[in-house]
Full PDB file with SEQRES, HELIX, SHEET, SSBOND, CRYST1, ORIGX, SCALE, CONECT and MASTER records, all heavy atoms in Angstrom:
SEQRES   1 A   36  THR THR VAL PRO GLU TRP ARG ASP GLY GLU VAL THR MET          
SEQRES   2 A   36  VAL ASP LEU ASP LEU ASP VAL ILE ARG MET ARG ASP GLY          
SEQRES   3 A   36  ARG ILE PHE LEU ASP ASP GLU ASP GLU PHE                      
SHEET    1 AA1 2 GLU A   5  ARG A   7  0                                        
SHEET    2 AA1 2 GLU A  10  THR A  12 -1                                        
SHEET    1 AA2 2 ASP A  19  ARG A  22  0                                        
SHEET    2 AA2 2 ILE A  28  ASP A  31 -1                                        
CRYST1    1.000    1.000    1.000  90.00  90.00  90.00 P 1           1          
ORIGX1      1.000000  0.000000  0.000000        0.00000                         
ORIGX2      0.000000  1.000000  0.000000        0.00000                         
ORIGX3      0.000000  0.000000  1.000000        0.00000                         
SCALE1      1.000000  0.000000  0.000000        0.00000                         
SCALE2      0.000000  1.000000  0.000000        0.00000                         
SCALE3      0.000000  0.000000  1.000000        0.00000                         
ATOM      1  N   THR A   1     -18.752  13.182  13.230  1.00  0.00           N  
ATOM      2  CA  THR A   1     -17.979  14.389  13.537  1.00  0.00           C  
ATOM      3  C   THR A   1     -18.665  15.592  12.953  1.00  0.00           C  
ATOM      4  O   THR A   1     -19.617  15.514  12.184  1.00  0.00           O  
ATOM      5  CB  THR A   1     -16.563  14.326  12.851  1.00  0.00           C  
ATOM      6  OG1 THR A   1     -16.750  14.411  11.425  1.00  0.00           O  
ATOM      7  CG2 THR A   1     -15.783  13.067  13.220  1.00  0.00           C  
ATOM      8  N   THR A   2     -18.133  16.782  13.306  1.00  0.00           N  
ATOM      9  CA  THR A   2     -18.536  17.960  12.573  1.00  0.00           C  
ATOM     10  C   THR A   2     -17.935  17.826  11.173  1.00  0.00           C  
ATOM     11  O   THR A   2     -17.104  16.993  10.909  1.00  0.00           O  
ATOM     12  CB  THR A   2     -18.042  19.238  13.246  1.00  0.00           C  
ATOM     13  OG1 THR A   2     -16.588  19.160  13.354  1.00  0.00           O  
ATOM     14  CG2 THR A   2     -18.689  19.437  14.599  1.00  0.00           C  
ATOM     15  N   VAL A   3     -18.356  18.694  10.265  1.00  0.00           N  
ATOM     16  CA  VAL A   3     -17.803  18.680   8.882  1.00  0.00           C  
ATOM     17  C   VAL A   3     -16.307  18.942   8.913  1.00  0.00           C  
ATOM     18  O   VAL A   3     -15.891  19.930   9.511  1.00  0.00           O  
ATOM     19  CB  VAL A   3     -18.524  19.716   8.007  1.00  0.00           C  
ATOM     20  CG1 VAL A   3     -17.899  19.770   6.595  1.00  0.00           C  
ATOM     21  CG2 VAL A   3     -20.035  19.425   7.916  1.00  0.00           C  
ATOM     22  N   PRO A   4     -15.497  18.034   8.378  1.00  0.00           N  
ATOM     23  CA  PRO A   4     -14.045  18.251   8.359  1.00  0.00           C  
ATOM     24  C   PRO A   4     -13.694  19.543   7.642  1.00  0.00           C  
ATOM     25  O   PRO A   4     -14.259  19.908   6.586  1.00  0.00           O  
ATOM     26  CB  PRO A   4     -13.519  17.011   7.631  1.00  0.00           C  
ATOM     27  CG  PRO A   4     -14.574  15.979   7.786  1.00  0.00           C  
ATOM     28  CD  PRO A   4     -15.897  16.755   7.790  1.00  0.00           C  
ATOM     29  N   GLU A   5     -12.677  20.208   8.205  1.00  0.00           N  
ATOM     30  CA  GLU A   5     -12.208  21.500   7.633  1.00  0.00           C  
ATOM     31  C   GLU A   5     -10.728  21.334   7.243  1.00  0.00           C  
ATOM     32  O   GLU A   5      -9.938  20.883   8.099  1.00  0.00           O  
ATOM     33  CB  GLU A   5     -12.377  22.648   8.586  1.00  0.00           C  
ATOM     34  CG  GLU A   5     -13.801  22.937   8.937  1.00  0.00           C  
ATOM     35  CD  GLU A   5     -13.944  24.084   9.933  1.00  0.00           C  
ATOM     36  OE1 GLU A   5     -12.946  24.817  10.157  1.00  0.00           O  
ATOM     37  OE2 GLU A   5     -15.048  24.237  10.533  1.00  0.00           O  
ATOM     38  N   TRP A   6     -10.388  21.727   6.059  1.00  0.00           N  
ATOM     39  CA  TRP A   6      -8.999  21.635   5.560  1.00  0.00           C  
ATOM     40  C   TRP A   6      -8.386  23.020   5.491  1.00  0.00           C  
ATOM     41  O   TRP A   6      -8.994  23.937   4.918  1.00  0.00           O  
ATOM     42  CB  TRP A   6      -9.013  21.023   4.114  1.00  0.00           C  
ATOM     43  CG  TRP A   6      -9.390  19.595   4.115  1.00  0.00           C  
ATOM     44  CD1 TRP A   6     -10.659  19.076   4.079  1.00  0.00           C  
ATOM     45  CD2 TRP A   6      -8.516  18.479   4.076  1.00  0.00           C  
ATOM     46  NE1 TRP A   6     -10.600  17.737   4.023  1.00  0.00           N  
ATOM     47  CE2 TRP A   6      -9.296  17.318   4.015  1.00  0.00           C  
ATOM     48  CE3 TRP A   6      -7.098  18.349   4.019  1.00  0.00           C  
ATOM     49  CZ2 TRP A   6      -8.755  16.046   3.972  1.00  0.00           C  
ATOM     50  CZ3 TRP A   6      -6.601  17.099   3.994  1.00  0.00           C  
ATOM     51  CH2 TRP A   6      -7.368  15.934   3.968  1.00  0.00           C  
ATOM     52  N   ARG A   7      -7.163  23.137   6.059  1.00  0.00           N  
ATOM     53  CA  ARG A   7      -6.435  24.389   5.910  1.00  0.00           C  
ATOM     54  C   ARG A   7      -4.947  24.148   6.329  1.00  0.00           C  
ATOM     55  O   ARG A   7      -4.695  23.500   7.325  1.00  0.00           O  
ATOM     56  CB  ARG A   7      -7.084  25.563   6.673  1.00  0.00           C  
ATOM     57  CG  ARG A   7      -6.969  25.612   8.156  1.00  0.00           C  
ATOM     58  CD  ARG A   7      -7.417  26.949   8.743  1.00  0.00           C  
ATOM     59  NE  ARG A   7      -8.776  27.231   8.960  1.00  0.00           N  
ATOM     60  CZ  ARG A   7      -9.670  26.526   9.657  1.00  0.00           C  
ATOM     61  NH1 ARG A   7      -9.383  25.434  10.167  1.00  0.00           N  
ATOM     62  NH2 ARG A   7     -10.879  26.963   9.897  1.00  0.00           N  
ATOM     63  N   ASP A   8      -4.074  24.738   5.555  1.00  0.00           N  
ATOM     64  CA  ASP A   8      -2.666  24.738   5.841  1.00  0.00           C  
ATOM     65  C   ASP A   8      -2.120  23.345   6.216  1.00  0.00           C  
ATOM     66  O   ASP A   8      -1.410  23.204   7.252  1.00  0.00           O  
ATOM     67  CB  ASP A   8      -2.357  25.734   7.000  1.00  0.00           C  
ATOM     68  CG  ASP A   8      -2.791  27.156   6.657  1.00  0.00           C  
ATOM     69  OD1 ASP A   8      -2.647  27.531   5.472  1.00  0.00           O  
ATOM     70  OD2 ASP A   8      -3.242  27.843   7.552  1.00  0.00           O  
ATOM     71  N   GLY A   9      -2.396  22.385   5.397  1.00  0.00           N  
ATOM     72  CA  GLY A   9      -1.832  21.033   5.604  1.00  0.00           C  
ATOM     73  C   GLY A   9      -2.437  20.296   6.746  1.00  0.00           C  
ATOM     74  O   GLY A   9      -1.797  19.350   7.301  1.00  0.00           O  
ATOM     75  N   GLU A  10      -3.628  20.649   7.180  1.00  0.00           N  
ATOM     76  CA  GLU A  10      -4.305  19.996   8.302  1.00  0.00           C  
ATOM     77  C   GLU A  10      -5.749  19.799   8.050  1.00  0.00           C  
ATOM     78  O   GLU A  10      -6.376  20.702   7.468  1.00  0.00           O  
ATOM     79  CB  GLU A  10      -4.060  20.857   9.562  1.00  0.00           C  
ATOM     80  CG  GLU A  10      -4.607  20.208  10.821  1.00  0.00           C  
ATOM     81  CD  GLU A  10      -4.182  20.991  12.075  1.00  0.00           C  
ATOM     82  OE1 GLU A  10      -3.048  20.786  12.529  1.00  0.00           O  
ATOM     83  OE2 GLU A  10      -4.982  21.839  12.518  1.00  0.00           O  
ATOM     84  N   VAL A  11      -6.332  18.709   8.447  1.00  0.00           N  
ATOM     85  CA  VAL A  11      -7.729  18.492   8.449  1.00  0.00           C  
ATOM     86  C   VAL A  11      -8.204  18.311   9.901  1.00  0.00           C  
ATOM     87  O   VAL A  11      -7.597  17.576  10.661  1.00  0.00           O  
ATOM     88  CB  VAL A  11      -8.168  17.311   7.558  1.00  0.00           C  
ATOM     89  CG1 VAL A  11      -7.563  15.982   8.007  1.00  0.00           C  
ATOM     90  CG2 VAL A  11      -9.690  17.202   7.491  1.00  0.00           C  
ATOM     91  N   THR A  12      -9.187  19.086  10.258  1.00  0.00           N  
ATOM     92  CA  THR A  12      -9.679  19.088  11.667  1.00  0.00           C  
ATOM     93  C   THR A  12     -11.186  18.855  11.715  1.00  0.00           C  
ATOM     94  O   THR A  12     -11.877  19.311  10.803  1.00  0.00           O  
ATOM     95  CB  THR A  12      -9.338  20.349  12.442  1.00  0.00           C  
ATOM     96  OG1 THR A  12      -9.982  21.449  11.846  1.00  0.00           O  
ATOM     97  CG2 THR A  12      -7.860  20.613  12.478  1.00  0.00           C  
ATOM     98  N   MET A  13     -11.697  18.289  12.774  1.00  0.00           N  
ATOM     99  CA  MET A  13     -13.068  18.074  12.972  1.00  0.00           C  
ATOM    100  C   MET A  13     -13.317  17.775  14.458  1.00  0.00           C  
ATOM    101  O   MET A  13     -12.395  17.440  15.151  1.00  0.00           O  
ATOM    102  CB  MET A  13     -13.664  16.989  12.096  1.00  0.00           C  
ATOM    103  CG  MET A  13     -13.055  15.603  12.284  1.00  0.00           C  
ATOM    104  SD  MET A  13     -12.065  15.127  10.850  1.00  0.00           S  
ATOM    105  CE  MET A  13     -10.406  15.454  11.421  1.00  0.00           C  
ATOM    106  N   VAL A  14     -14.546  17.909  14.896  1.00  0.00           N  
ATOM    107  CA  VAL A  14     -14.893  17.601  16.294  1.00  0.00           C  
ATOM    108  C   VAL A  14     -15.562  16.209  16.312  1.00  0.00           C  
ATOM    109  O   VAL A  14     -16.524  15.961  15.613  1.00  0.00           O  
ATOM    110  CB  VAL A  14     -15.832  18.659  16.888  1.00  0.00           C  
ATOM    111  CG1 VAL A  14     -16.353  18.202  18.260  1.00  0.00           C  
ATOM    112  CG2 VAL A  14     -15.183  19.997  16.919  1.00  0.00           C  
ATOM    113  N   ASP A  15     -14.993  15.329  17.090  1.00  0.00           N  
ATOM    114  CA  ASP A  15     -15.486  13.973  17.276  1.00  0.00           C  
ATOM    115  C   ASP A  15     -16.736  14.067  18.155  1.00  0.00           C  
ATOM    116  O   ASP A  15     -16.665  14.553  19.281  1.00  0.00           O  
ATOM    117  CB  ASP A  15     -14.441  13.096  17.923  1.00  0.00           C  
ATOM    118  CG  ASP A  15     -14.899  11.675  18.110  1.00  0.00           C  
ATOM    119  OD1 ASP A  15     -15.771  11.470  18.969  1.00  0.00           O  
ATOM    120  OD2 ASP A  15     -14.379  10.761  17.494  1.00  0.00           O  
ATOM    121  N   LEU A  16     -17.856  13.584  17.648  1.00  0.00           N  
ATOM    122  CA  LEU A  16     -19.105  13.642  18.386  1.00  0.00           C  
ATOM    123  C   LEU A  16     -19.528  12.274  18.952  1.00  0.00           C  
ATOM    124  O   LEU A  16     -20.725  12.011  19.131  1.00  0.00           O  
ATOM    125  CB  LEU A  16     -20.214  14.229  17.486  1.00  0.00           C  
ATOM    126  CG  LEU A  16     -19.962  15.694  17.072  1.00  0.00           C  
ATOM    127  CD1 LEU A  16     -20.960  16.124  16.028  1.00  0.00           C  
ATOM    128  CD2 LEU A  16     -20.040  16.598  18.310  1.00  0.00           C  
ATOM    129  N   ASP A  17     -18.530  11.488  19.279  1.00  0.00           N  
ATOM    130  CA  ASP A  17     -18.716  10.259  20.067  1.00  0.00           C  
ATOM    131  C   ASP A  17     -19.259   9.050  19.331  1.00  0.00           C  
ATOM    132  O   ASP A  17     -18.734   7.983  19.460  1.00  0.00           O  
ATOM    133  CB  ASP A  17     -19.555  10.534  21.301  1.00  0.00           C  
ATOM    134  CG  ASP A  17     -19.170  11.832  21.987  1.00  0.00           C  
ATOM    135  OD1 ASP A  17     -17.967  12.043  22.264  1.00  0.00           O  
ATOM    136  OD2 ASP A  17     -20.066  12.618  22.251  1.00  0.00           O  
ATOM    137  N   LEU A  18     -20.335   9.210  18.597  1.00  0.00           N  
ATOM    138  CA  LEU A  18     -21.028   8.075  17.961  1.00  0.00           C  
ATOM    139  C   LEU A  18     -20.115   7.486  16.865  1.00  0.00           C  
ATOM    140  O   LEU A  18     -19.437   8.255  16.127  1.00  0.00           O  
ATOM    141  CB  LEU A  18     -22.359   8.489  17.315  1.00  0.00           C  
ATOM    142  CG  LEU A  18     -23.402   8.961  18.296  1.00  0.00           C  
ATOM    143  CD1 LEU A  18     -24.626   9.500  17.543  1.00  0.00           C  
ATOM    144  CD2 LEU A  18     -23.858   7.794  19.205  1.00  0.00           C  
ATOM    145  N   ASP A  19     -20.112   6.146  16.779  1.00  0.00           N  
ATOM    146  CA  ASP A  19     -19.286   5.493  15.753  1.00  0.00           C  
ATOM    147  C   ASP A  19     -20.141   4.337  15.121  1.00  0.00           C  
ATOM    148  O   ASP A  19     -20.865   3.635  15.813  1.00  0.00           O  
ATOM    149  CB  ASP A  19     -18.072   4.853  16.400  1.00  0.00           C  
ATOM    150  CG  ASP A  19     -17.217   5.799  17.197  1.00  0.00           C  
ATOM    151  OD1 ASP A  19     -16.779   6.784  16.603  1.00  0.00           O  
ATOM    152  OD2 ASP A  19     -17.050   5.588  18.420  1.00  0.00           O  
ATOM    153  N   VAL A  20     -20.008   4.268  13.836  1.00  0.00           N  
ATOM    154  CA  VAL A  20     -20.654   3.179  13.100  1.00  0.00           C  
ATOM    155  C   VAL A  20     -19.527   2.221  12.644  1.00  0.00           C  
ATOM    156  O   VAL A  20     -18.579   2.676  12.004  1.00  0.00           O  
ATOM    157  CB  VAL A  20     -21.454   3.651  11.871  1.00  0.00           C  
ATOM    158  CG1 VAL A  20     -21.938   2.511  11.046  1.00  0.00           C  
ATOM    159  CG2 VAL A  20     -22.614   4.561  12.301  1.00  0.00           C  
ATOM    160  N   ILE A  21     -19.613   0.961  13.057  1.00  0.00           N  
ATOM    161  CA  ILE A  21     -18.504   0.036  12.865  1.00  0.00           C  
ATOM    162  C   ILE A  21     -19.001  -1.196  12.153  1.00  0.00           C  
ATOM    163  O   ILE A  21     -20.022  -1.757  12.460  1.00  0.00           O  
ATOM    164  CB  ILE A  21     -17.922  -0.356  14.242  1.00  0.00           C  
ATOM    165  CG1 ILE A  21     -17.431   0.907  14.965  1.00  0.00           C  
ATOM    166  CG2 ILE A  21     -16.826  -1.413  14.097  1.00  0.00           C  
ATOM    167  CD1 ILE A  21     -17.057   0.680  16.380  1.00  0.00           C  
ATOM    168  N   ARG A  22     -18.171  -1.629  11.159  1.00  0.00           N  
ATOM    169  CA  ARG A  22     -18.422  -2.886  10.478  1.00  0.00           C  
ATOM    170  C   ARG A  22     -17.185  -3.777  10.704  1.00  0.00           C  
ATOM    171  O   ARG A  22     -16.066  -3.424  10.305  1.00  0.00           O  
ATOM    172  CB  ARG A  22     -18.708  -2.729   8.971  1.00  0.00           C  
ATOM    173  CG  ARG A  22     -19.053  -4.097   8.305  1.00  0.00           C  
ATOM    174  CD  ARG A  22     -19.679  -3.920   6.977  1.00  0.00           C  
ATOM    175  NE  ARG A  22     -18.690  -3.672   5.919  1.00  0.00           N  
ATOM    176  CZ  ARG A  22     -18.967  -3.079   4.750  1.00  0.00           C  
ATOM    177  NH1 ARG A  22     -20.214  -2.679   4.484  1.00  0.00           N  
ATOM    178  NH2 ARG A  22     -18.030  -2.885   3.849  1.00  0.00           N  
ATOM    179  N   MET A  23     -17.422  -4.923  11.329  1.00  0.00           N  
ATOM    180  CA  MET A  23     -16.347  -5.878  11.630  1.00  0.00           C  
ATOM    181  C   MET A  23     -16.213  -6.804  10.402  1.00  0.00           C  
ATOM    182  O   MET A  23     -17.115  -6.955   9.620  1.00  0.00           O  
ATOM    183  CB  MET A  23     -16.671  -6.684  12.883  1.00  0.00           C  
ATOM    184  CG  MET A  23     -16.966  -5.875  14.145  1.00  0.00           C  
ATOM    185  SD  MET A  23     -15.601  -4.782  14.633  1.00  0.00           S  
ATOM    186  CE  MET A  23     -14.430  -6.024  15.188  1.00  0.00           C  
ATOM    187  N   ARG A  24     -15.050  -7.402  10.283  1.00  0.00           N  
ATOM    188  CA  ARG A  24     -14.798  -8.346   9.146  1.00  0.00           C  
ATOM    189  C   ARG A  24     -15.718  -9.542   9.219  1.00  0.00           C  
ATOM    190  O   ARG A  24     -16.013 -10.151   8.174  1.00  0.00           O  
ATOM    191  CB  ARG A  24     -13.361  -8.801   9.140  1.00  0.00           C  
ATOM    192  CG  ARG A  24     -12.426  -7.676   8.742  1.00  0.00           C  
ATOM    193  CD  ARG A  24     -11.356  -8.114   7.838  1.00  0.00           C  
ATOM    194  NE  ARG A  24     -10.453  -6.982   7.725  1.00  0.00           N  
ATOM    195  CZ  ARG A  24     -10.556  -6.052   6.802  1.00  0.00           C  
ATOM    196  NH1 ARG A  24     -11.487  -6.153   5.874  1.00  0.00           N  
ATOM    197  NH2 ARG A  24      -9.778  -5.009   6.777  1.00  0.00           N  
ATOM    198  N   ASP A  25     -16.230  -9.906  10.388  1.00  0.00           N  
ATOM    199  CA  ASP A  25     -17.155 -11.045  10.487  1.00  0.00           C  
ATOM    200  C   ASP A  25     -18.568 -10.685  10.114  1.00  0.00           C  
ATOM    201  O   ASP A  25     -19.478 -11.524  10.213  1.00  0.00           O  
ATOM    202  CB  ASP A  25     -17.089 -11.669  11.904  1.00  0.00           C  
ATOM    203  CG  ASP A  25     -17.578 -10.722  13.018  1.00  0.00           C  
ATOM    204  OD1 ASP A  25     -18.185  -9.681  12.707  1.00  0.00           O  
ATOM    205  OD2 ASP A  25     -17.416 -11.074  14.184  1.00  0.00           O  
ATOM    206  N   GLY A  26     -18.789  -9.401   9.704  1.00  0.00           N  
ATOM    207  CA  GLY A  26     -20.110  -9.020   9.226  1.00  0.00           C  
ATOM    208  C   GLY A  26     -20.937  -8.237  10.244  1.00  0.00           C  
ATOM    209  O   GLY A  26     -21.954  -7.635   9.874  1.00  0.00           O  
ATOM    210  N   ARG A  27     -20.563  -8.246  11.517  1.00  0.00           N  
ATOM    211  CA  ARG A  27     -21.322  -7.474  12.474  1.00  0.00           C  
ATOM    212  C   ARG A  27     -21.237  -6.000  12.190  1.00  0.00           C  
ATOM    213  O   ARG A  27     -20.172  -5.476  11.864  1.00  0.00           O  
ATOM    214  CB  ARG A  27     -20.796  -7.754  13.902  1.00  0.00           C  
ATOM    215  CG  ARG A  27     -21.144  -9.146  14.427  1.00  0.00           C  
ATOM    216  CD  ARG A  27     -20.554  -9.335  15.840  1.00  0.00           C  
ATOM    217  NE  ARG A  27     -19.096  -9.298  15.754  1.00  0.00           N  
ATOM    218  CZ  ARG A  27     -18.305  -8.670  16.661  1.00  0.00           C  
ATOM    219  NH1 ARG A  27     -18.877  -8.013  17.653  1.00  0.00           N  
ATOM    220  NH2 ARG A  27     -16.993  -8.678  16.506  1.00  0.00           N  
ATOM    221  N   ILE A  28     -22.355  -5.320  12.332  1.00  0.00           N  
ATOM    222  CA  ILE A  28     -22.404  -3.842  12.131  1.00  0.00           C  
ATOM    223  C   ILE A  28     -23.159  -3.262  13.340  1.00  0.00           C  
ATOM    224  O   ILE A  28     -24.225  -3.776  13.713  1.00  0.00           O  
ATOM    225  CB  ILE A  28     -23.160  -3.483  10.839  1.00  0.00           C  
ATOM    226  CG1 ILE A  28     -22.377  -4.052   9.648  1.00  0.00           C  
ATOM    227  CG2 ILE A  28     -23.285  -1.994  10.728  1.00  0.00           C  
ATOM    228  CD1 ILE A  28     -23.151  -4.029   8.321  1.00  0.00           C  
ATOM    229  N   PHE A  29     -22.586  -2.217  13.942  1.00  0.00           N  
ATOM    230  CA  PHE A  29     -23.247  -1.658  15.113  1.00  0.00           C  
ATOM    231  C   PHE A  29     -22.923  -0.183  15.282  1.00  0.00           C  
ATOM    232  O   PHE A  29     -21.940   0.315  14.768  1.00  0.00           O  
ATOM    233  CB  PHE A  29     -22.891  -2.473  16.399  1.00  0.00           C  
ATOM    234  CG  PHE A  29     -21.417  -2.620  16.634  1.00  0.00           C  
ATOM    235  CD1 PHE A  29     -20.728  -1.737  17.485  1.00  0.00           C  
ATOM    236  CD2 PHE A  29     -20.700  -3.601  16.045  1.00  0.00           C  
ATOM    237  CE1 PHE A  29     -19.396  -1.854  17.744  1.00  0.00           C  
ATOM    238  CE2 PHE A  29     -19.339  -3.769  16.296  1.00  0.00           C  
ATOM    239  CZ  PHE A  29     -18.667  -2.868  17.131  1.00  0.00           C  
ATOM    240  N   LEU A  30     -23.791   0.474  16.024  1.00  0.00           N  
ATOM    241  CA  LEU A  30     -23.613   1.857  16.405  1.00  0.00           C  
ATOM    242  C   LEU A  30     -23.022   1.836  17.836  1.00  0.00           C  
ATOM    243  O   LEU A  30     -23.584   1.239  18.753  1.00  0.00           O  
ATOM    244  CB  LEU A  30     -24.941   2.576  16.492  1.00  0.00           C  
ATOM    245  CG  LEU A  30     -24.882   4.087  16.840  1.00  0.00           C  
ATOM    246  CD1 LEU A  30     -24.060   4.881  15.912  1.00  0.00           C  
ATOM    247  CD2 LEU A  30     -26.330   4.616  16.916  1.00  0.00           C  
ATOM    248  N   ASP A  31     -21.846   2.465  18.013  1.00  0.00           N  
ATOM    249  CA  ASP A  31     -21.132   2.393  19.275  1.00  0.00           C  
ATOM    250  C   ASP A  31     -21.123   3.741  19.947  1.00  0.00           C  
ATOM    251  O   ASP A  31     -21.256   4.790  19.330  1.00  0.00           O  
ATOM    252  CB  ASP A  31     -19.689   1.944  18.966  1.00  0.00           C  
ATOM    253  CG  ASP A  31     -18.946   1.405  20.204  1.00  0.00           C  
ATOM    254  OD1 ASP A  31     -19.664   0.936  21.155  1.00  0.00           O  
ATOM    255  OD2 ASP A  31     -17.721   1.410  20.221  1.00  0.00           O  
ATOM    256  N   ASP A  32     -20.915   3.720  21.238  1.00  0.00           N  
ATOM    257  CA  ASP A  32     -20.699   4.901  22.105  1.00  0.00           C  
ATOM    258  C   ASP A  32     -21.899   5.794  22.268  1.00  0.00           C  
ATOM    259  O   ASP A  32     -21.763   7.004  22.444  1.00  0.00           O  
ATOM    260  CB  ASP A  32     -19.479   5.681  21.653  1.00  0.00           C  
ATOM    261  CG  ASP A  32     -18.178   4.933  21.886  1.00  0.00           C  
ATOM    262  OD1 ASP A  32     -18.166   4.069  22.791  1.00  0.00           O  
ATOM    263  OD2 ASP A  32     -17.181   5.225  21.164  1.00  0.00           O  
ATOM    264  N   GLU A  33     -23.103   5.187  22.230  1.00  0.00           N  
ATOM    265  CA  GLU A  33     -24.314   6.015  22.484  1.00  0.00           C  
ATOM    266  C   GLU A  33     -24.331   6.564  23.867  1.00  0.00           C  
ATOM    267  O   GLU A  33     -24.796   7.655  24.120  1.00  0.00           O  
ATOM    268  CB  GLU A  33     -25.552   5.169  22.206  1.00  0.00           C  
ATOM    269  CG  GLU A  33     -25.742   4.900  20.719  1.00  0.00           C  
ATOM    270  CD  GLU A  33     -27.047   4.139  20.443  1.00  0.00           C  
ATOM    271  OE1 GLU A  33     -28.023   4.783  20.233  1.00  0.00           O  
ATOM    272  OE2 GLU A  33     -26.992   2.872  20.442  1.00  0.00           O  
ATOM    273  N   ASP A  34     -23.759   5.784  24.835  1.00  0.00           N  
ATOM    274  CA  ASP A  34     -23.658   6.273  26.220  1.00  0.00           C  
ATOM    275  C   ASP A  34     -22.737   7.514  26.318  1.00  0.00           C  
ATOM    276  O   ASP A  34     -23.079   8.484  26.993  1.00  0.00           O  
ATOM    277  CB  ASP A  34     -23.173   5.157  27.133  1.00  0.00           C  
ATOM    278  CG  ASP A  34     -21.871   4.507  26.710  1.00  0.00           C  
ATOM    279  OD1 ASP A  34     -21.488   4.620  25.514  1.00  0.00           O  
ATOM    280  OD2 ASP A  34     -21.214   3.925  27.584  1.00  0.00           O  
ATOM    281  N   GLU A  35     -21.640   7.429  25.655  1.00  0.00           N  
ATOM    282  CA  GLU A  35     -20.704   8.595  25.630  1.00  0.00           C  
ATOM    283  C   GLU A  35     -21.348   9.821  24.975  1.00  0.00           C  
ATOM    284  O   GLU A  35     -21.190  10.977  25.422  1.00  0.00           O  
ATOM    285  CB  GLU A  35     -19.423   8.200  24.895  1.00  0.00           C  
ATOM    286  CG  GLU A  35     -18.319   9.240  24.953  1.00  0.00           C  
ATOM    287  CD  GLU A  35     -17.036   8.762  24.255  1.00  0.00           C  
ATOM    288  OE1 GLU A  35     -16.874   7.597  24.010  1.00  0.00           O  
ATOM    289  OE2 GLU A  35     -16.283   9.686  23.860  1.00  0.00           O  
ATOM    290  N   PHE A  36     -22.101   9.589  23.908  1.00  0.00           N  
ATOM    291  CA  PHE A  36     -22.792  10.674  23.224  1.00  0.00           C  
ATOM    292  C   PHE A  36     -23.825  11.330  24.157  1.00  0.00           C  
ATOM    293  O   PHE A  36     -23.881  12.588  24.290  1.00  0.00           O  
ATOM    294  CB  PHE A  36     -23.513  10.110  21.995  1.00  0.00           C  
ATOM    295  CG  PHE A  36     -24.235  11.200  21.178  1.00  0.00           C  
ATOM    296  CD1 PHE A  36     -23.551  12.232  20.543  1.00  0.00           C  
ATOM    297  CD2 PHE A  36     -25.587  11.074  21.006  1.00  0.00           C  
ATOM    298  CE1 PHE A  36     -24.234  13.178  19.781  1.00  0.00           C  
ATOM    299  CE2 PHE A  36     -26.270  12.002  20.205  1.00  0.00           C  
ATOM    300  CZ  PHE A  36     -25.607  13.054  19.585  1.00  0.00           C  
TER     301      PHE A  36                                                      
MASTER        0    0    0    0    4    0    0    6  300    1    0    3          
END                                                                             
């Protein structure tokens, strides 16, 4: 995301599509490169 910004009881940021995920079974992957 963009750097999270806090103001007036809210935190906002822009989701930039890419996700880093760790599953409980140990798999780790970069997701949504196509969406990015």
